[in-house]
């Protein structure tokens, strides 16, 4: 291991956790338990609203549920458990599997009627416009008389 300012001795406590994990995986025949990880997300805002992406590989539009409750956005779904091919036993399984839920508090009220969601190539993309009353506006300044 390379030494640096954060690991002056070439070791960190997390290294021990990785060794324990690898040891348990070996004891369990390399398969371990299927794990569920929430989809990786990106959230970007501007004056018009928010754009959110969530990685949901292998899922279709009917497998993902998106809901808004005020400014609280929830994305939920289930990654299927991979099937073991006939005549084989698991040696190592690292696929996501099981139910997931991600909730994000948006920093403003949204225009529910204009929310769009699309799923392409395993990426869910949401475009969520701000409510008109939430958008910044310019106040014109007039000369006084």
C-alpha atoms as a PDB file:
ATOM      1  CA  UNK A   1       0.000   0.000   0.000  1.00  0.00           C
ATOM      2  CA  UNK A   2       1.203   3.470  -0.848  1.00  0.00           C
ATOM      3  CA  UNK A   3       1.756   5.862   2.030  1.00  0.00           C
ATOM      4  CA  UNK A   4       0.392   9.413   2.029  1.00  0.00           C
ATOM      5  CA  UNK A   5      -0.649  12.074   4.531  1.00  0.00           C
ATOM      6  CA  UNK A   6      -3.885  10.200   5.327  1.00  0.00           C
ATOM      7  CA  UNK A   7      -2.250   6.780   5.638  1.00  0.00           C
ATOM      8  CA  UNK A   8       1.270   7.471   6.954  1.00  0.00           C
ATOM      9  CA  UNK A   9       1.756   3.804   7.880  1.00  0.00           C
ATOM     10  CA  UNK A  10       0.271   2.404   4.677  1.00  0.00           C
ATOM     11  CA  UNK A  11      -2.786   1.088   6.559  1.00  0.00           C
ATOM     12  CA  UNK A  12      -6.262   2.328   7.495  1.00  0.00           C
ATOM     13  CA  UNK A  13      -8.870   0.737   9.786  1.00  0.00           C
ATOM     14  CA  UNK A  14     -11.106   0.114   6.790  1.00  0.00           C
ATOM     15  CA  UNK A  15      -8.458  -2.286   5.465  1.00  0.00           C
ATOM     16  CA  UNK A  16      -9.282  -4.633   8.357  1.00  0.00           C
ATOM     17  CA  UNK A  17     -12.984  -4.479   7.490  1.00  0.00           C
ATOM     18  CA  UNK A  18     -12.238  -5.412   3.885  1.00  0.00           C
ATOM     19  CA  UNK A  19     -10.144  -8.375   5.083  1.00  0.00           C
ATOM     20  CA  UNK A  20     -12.986  -9.531   7.372  1.00  0.00           C
ATOM     21  CA  UNK A  21     -15.486  -9.209   4.512  1.00  0.00           C
ATOM     22  CA  UNK A  22     -13.256 -11.233   2.182  1.00  0.00           C
ATOM     23  CA  UNK A  23     -12.789 -13.884   4.883  1.00  0.00           C
ATOM     24  CA  UNK A  24     -16.534 -14.203   5.467  1.00  0.00           C
ATOM     25  CA  UNK A  25     -17.132 -14.409   1.750  1.00  0.00           C
ATOM     26  CA  UNK A  26     -14.688 -17.305   1.577  1.00  0.00           C
ATOM     27  CA  UNK A  27     -16.329 -19.078   4.541  1.00  0.00           C
ATOM     28  CA  UNK A  28     -19.754 -18.649   2.919  1.00  0.00           C
ATOM     29  CA  UNK A  29     -18.538 -20.251  -0.275  1.00  0.00           C
ATOM     30  CA  UNK A  30     -17.976 -16.956  -2.016  1.00  0.00           C
ATOM     31  CA  UNK A  31     -21.659 -16.231  -2.403  1.00  0.00           C
ATOM     32  CA  UNK A  32     -22.443 -14.142   0.661  1.00  0.00           C
ATOM     33  CA  UNK A  33     -25.920 -12.633   0.954  1.00  0.00           C
ATOM     34  CA  UNK A  34     -27.426 -10.713  -1.942  1.00  0.00           C
ATOM     35  CA  UNK A  35     -27.159  -7.056  -1.152  1.00  0.00           C
ATOM     36  CA  UNK A  36     -29.403  -4.139  -1.936  1.00  0.00           C
ATOM     37  CA  UNK A  37     -27.877  -0.798  -2.640  1.00  0.00           C
ATOM     38  CA  UNK A  38     -29.888   2.297  -3.272  1.00  0.00           C
ATOM     39  CA  UNK A  39     -29.379   3.561  -6.807  1.00  0.00           C
ATOM     40  CA  UNK A  40     -26.637   6.128  -7.275  1.00  0.00           C
ATOM     41  CA  UNK A  41     -28.204   9.535  -7.824  1.00  0.00           C
ATOM     42  CA  UNK A  42     -27.271  12.955  -9.138  1.00  0.00           C
ATOM     43  CA  UNK A  43     -29.301  16.056  -8.233  1.00  0.00           C
ATOM     44  CA  UNK A  44     -28.844  19.414  -9.977  1.00  0.00           C
ATOM     45  CA  UNK A  45     -30.831  22.624  -9.457  1.00  0.00           C
ATOM     46  CA  UNK A  46     -31.190  25.938 -11.272  1.00  0.00           C
ATOM     47  CA  UNK A  47     -33.713  28.803 -11.375  1.00  0.00           C
ATOM     48  CA  UNK A  48     -36.144  26.698 -13.407  1.00  0.00           C
ATOM     49  CA  UNK A  49     -36.172  23.553 -11.275  1.00  0.00           C
ATOM     50  CA  UNK A  50     -34.253  20.371 -10.587  1.00  0.00           C
ATOM     51  CA  UNK A  51     -32.930  17.492 -12.687  1.00  0.00           C
ATOM     52  CA  UNK A  52     -32.352  14.141 -11.008  1.00  0.00           C
ATOM     53  CA  UNK A  53     -30.778  10.997 -12.405  1.00  0.00           C
ATOM     54  CA  UNK A  54     -30.838   7.589 -10.740  1.00  0.00           C
ATOM     55  CA  UNK A  55     -29.022   4.486 -11.967  1.00  0.00           C
ATOM     56  CA  UNK A  56     -31.481   1.578 -12.170  1.00  0.00           C
ATOM     57  CA  UNK A  57     -29.885  -0.922 -14.573  1.00  0.00           C
ATOM     58  CA  UNK A  58     -32.059  -3.845 -15.583  1.00  0.00           C
ATOM     59  CA  UNK A  59     -35.311  -2.184 -14.528  1.00  0.00           C
ATOM     60  CA  UNK A  60     -38.118  -1.076 -16.818  1.00  0.00           C
ATOM     61  CA  UNK A  61     -40.650   1.731 -16.405  1.00  0.00           C
ATOM     62  CA  UNK A  62     -43.093  -0.651 -14.673  1.00  0.00           C
ATOM     63  CA  UNK A  63     -40.405  -1.675 -12.144  1.00  0.00           C
ATOM     64  CA  UNK A  64     -39.809   1.845 -10.787  1.00  0.00           C
ATOM     65  CA  UNK A  65     -42.244   3.973  -8.784  1.00  0.00           C
ATOM     66  CA  UNK A  66     -41.734   7.730  -8.532  1.00  0.00           C
ATOM     67  CA  UNK A  67     -43.878   9.868  -6.235  1.00  0.00           C
ATOM     68  CA  UNK A  68     -43.984  13.437  -4.963  1.00  0.00           C
ATOM     69  CA  UNK A  69     -45.435  14.477  -1.625  1.00  0.00           C
ATOM     70  CA  UNK A  70     -45.025  18.251  -1.458  1.00  0.00           C
ATOM     71  CA  UNK A  71     -41.294  18.777  -1.886  1.00  0.00           C
ATOM     72  CA  UNK A  72     -40.410  15.173  -0.963  1.00  0.00           C
ATOM     73  CA  UNK A  73     -39.499  12.972  -3.931  1.00  0.00           C
ATOM     74  CA  UNK A  74     -39.412   9.196  -3.503  1.00  0.00           C
ATOM     75  CA  UNK A  75     -38.022   6.659  -5.964  1.00  0.00           C
ATOM     76  CA  UNK A  76     -38.726   2.992  -5.179  1.00  0.00           C
ATOM     77  CA  UNK A  77     -38.380  -0.330  -6.921  1.00  0.00           C
ATOM     78  CA  UNK A  78     -37.003  -3.833  -6.713  1.00  0.00           C
ATOM     79  CA  UNK A  79     -33.900  -5.254  -8.329  1.00  0.00           C
ATOM     80  CA  UNK A  80     -34.605  -8.874  -9.265  1.00  0.00           C
ATOM     81  CA  UNK A  81     -32.582 -11.655  -7.678  1.00  0.00           C
ATOM     82  CA  UNK A  82     -30.280 -13.105 -10.332  1.00  0.00           C
ATOM     83  CA  UNK A  83     -31.128 -16.681 -11.244  1.00  0.00           C
ATOM     84  CA  UNK A  84     -28.497 -19.364 -10.872  1.00  0.00           C
ATOM     85  CA  UNK A  85     -27.999 -21.181 -14.177  1.00  0.00           C
ATOM     86  CA  UNK A  86     -29.096 -24.813 -14.114  1.00  0.00           C
ATOM     87  CA  UNK A  87     -26.306 -27.119 -13.014  1.00  0.00           C
ATOM     88  CA  UNK A  88     -24.310 -24.310 -11.335  1.00  0.00           C
ATOM     89  CA  UNK A  89     -23.841 -23.111  -7.770  1.00  0.00           C
ATOM     90  CA  UNK A  90     -23.028 -19.519  -6.806  1.00  0.00           C
ATOM     91  CA  UNK A  91     -19.342 -18.868  -6.298  1.00  0.00           C
ATOM     92  CA  UNK A  92     -19.614 -15.108  -5.856  1.00  0.00           C
ATOM     93  CA  UNK A  93     -22.659 -12.849  -6.183  1.00  0.00           C
ATOM     94  CA  UNK A  94     -22.271  -9.079  -6.379  1.00  0.00           C
ATOM     95  CA  UNK A  95     -25.499  -8.132  -8.158  1.00  0.00           C
ATOM     96  CA  UNK A  96     -27.910  -5.708  -6.563  1.00  0.00           C
ATOM     97  CA  UNK A  97     -31.057  -7.482  -5.527  1.00  0.00           C
ATOM     98  CA  UNK A  98     -34.112  -6.645  -3.448  1.00  0.00           C
ATOM     99  CA  UNK A  99     -36.277  -3.620  -2.761  1.00  0.00           C
ATOM    100  CA  UNK A 100     -34.903  -0.090  -2.550  1.00  0.00           C
ATOM    101  CA  UNK A 101     -36.269   3.340  -1.670  1.00  0.00           C
ATOM    102  CA  UNK A 102     -34.579   6.718  -2.089  1.00  0.00           C
ATOM    103  CA  UNK A 103     -36.128   9.916  -0.761  1.00  0.00           C
ATOM    104  CA  UNK A 104     -34.897  13.416  -1.544  1.00  0.00           C
ATOM    105  CA  UNK A 105     -36.152  16.646   0.013  1.00  0.00           C
ATOM    106  CA  UNK A 106     -36.310  19.229  -2.756  1.00  0.00           C
ATOM    107  CA  UNK A 107     -35.325  22.790  -1.802  1.00  0.00           C
ATOM    108  CA  UNK A 108     -38.531  24.315  -3.211  1.00  0.00           C
ATOM    109  CA  UNK A 109     -42.157  23.654  -4.118  1.00  0.00           C
ATOM    110  CA  UNK A 110     -42.651  22.034  -7.506  1.00  0.00           C
ATOM    111  CA  UNK A 111     -45.115  22.314 -10.374  1.00  0.00           C
ATOM    112  CA  UNK A 112     -46.618  18.796 -10.188  1.00  0.00           C
ATOM    113  CA  UNK A 113     -48.358  19.117 -13.562  1.00  0.00           C
ATOM    114  CA  UNK A 114     -45.104  19.542 -15.468  1.00  0.00           C
ATOM    115  CA  UNK A 115     -42.921  16.851 -13.851  1.00  0.00           C
ATOM    116  CA  UNK A 116     -41.383  14.476 -16.406  1.00  0.00           C
ATOM    117  CA  UNK A 117     -39.780  11.067 -15.875  1.00  0.00           C
ATOM    118  CA  UNK A 118     -38.062   8.928 -18.489  1.00  0.00           C
ATOM    119  CA  UNK A 119     -35.976   5.777 -18.344  1.00  0.00           C
ATOM    120  CA  UNK A 120     -33.269   5.130 -20.932  1.00  0.00           C
ATOM    121  CA  UNK A 121     -30.313   2.737 -20.869  1.00  0.00           C
ATOM    122  CA  UNK A 122     -30.732   1.996 -17.151  1.00  0.00           C
ATOM    123  CA  UNK A 123     -30.852   5.650 -16.081  1.00  0.00           C
ATOM    124  CA  UNK A 124     -34.016   7.248 -14.696  1.00  0.00           C
ATOM    125  CA  UNK A 125     -34.090  10.973 -15.468  1.00  0.00           C
ATOM    126  CA  UNK A 126     -36.523  13.326 -13.752  1.00  0.00           C
ATOM    127  CA  UNK A 127     -37.142  16.936 -14.746  1.00  0.00           C
ATOM    128  CA  UNK A 128     -39.002  18.747 -11.985  1.00  0.00           C
ATOM    129  CA  UNK A 129     -39.943  22.405 -12.567  1.00  0.00           C
ATOM    130  CA  UNK A 130     -40.211  24.907  -9.731  1.00  0.00           C
ATOM    131  CA  UNK A 131     -43.634  26.245  -8.881  1.00  0.00           C
ATOM    132  CA  UNK A 132     -44.025  29.718 -10.437  1.00  0.00           C
ATOM    133  CA  UNK A 133     -44.248  31.349  -7.005  1.00  0.00           C
ATOM    134  CA  UNK A 134     -40.847  29.810  -6.140  1.00  0.00           C
ATOM    135  CA  UNK A 135     -39.009  31.148  -9.187  1.00  0.00           C
ATOM    136  CA  UNK A 136     -36.789  34.166  -8.678  1.00  0.00           C
ATOM    137  CA  UNK A 137     -38.098  37.287 -10.335  1.00  0.00           C
ATOM    138  CA  UNK A 138     -36.790  40.745 -11.091  1.00  0.00           C
ATOM    139  CA  UNK A 139     -38.462  43.820  -9.674  1.00  0.00           C
ATOM    140  CA  UNK A 140     -38.326  46.744 -12.071  1.00  0.00           C
ATOM    141  CA  UNK A 141     -37.026  49.990 -10.615  1.00  0.00           C
ATOM    142  CA  UNK A 142     -38.696  53.209 -11.822  1.00  0.00           C
ATOM    143  CA  UNK A 143     -37.711  56.780 -11.399  1.00  0.00           C
ATOM    144  CA  UNK A 144     -39.572  58.628  -8.680  1.00  0.00           C
ATOM    145  CA  UNK A 145     -41.546  61.796  -9.232  1.00  0.00           C
END
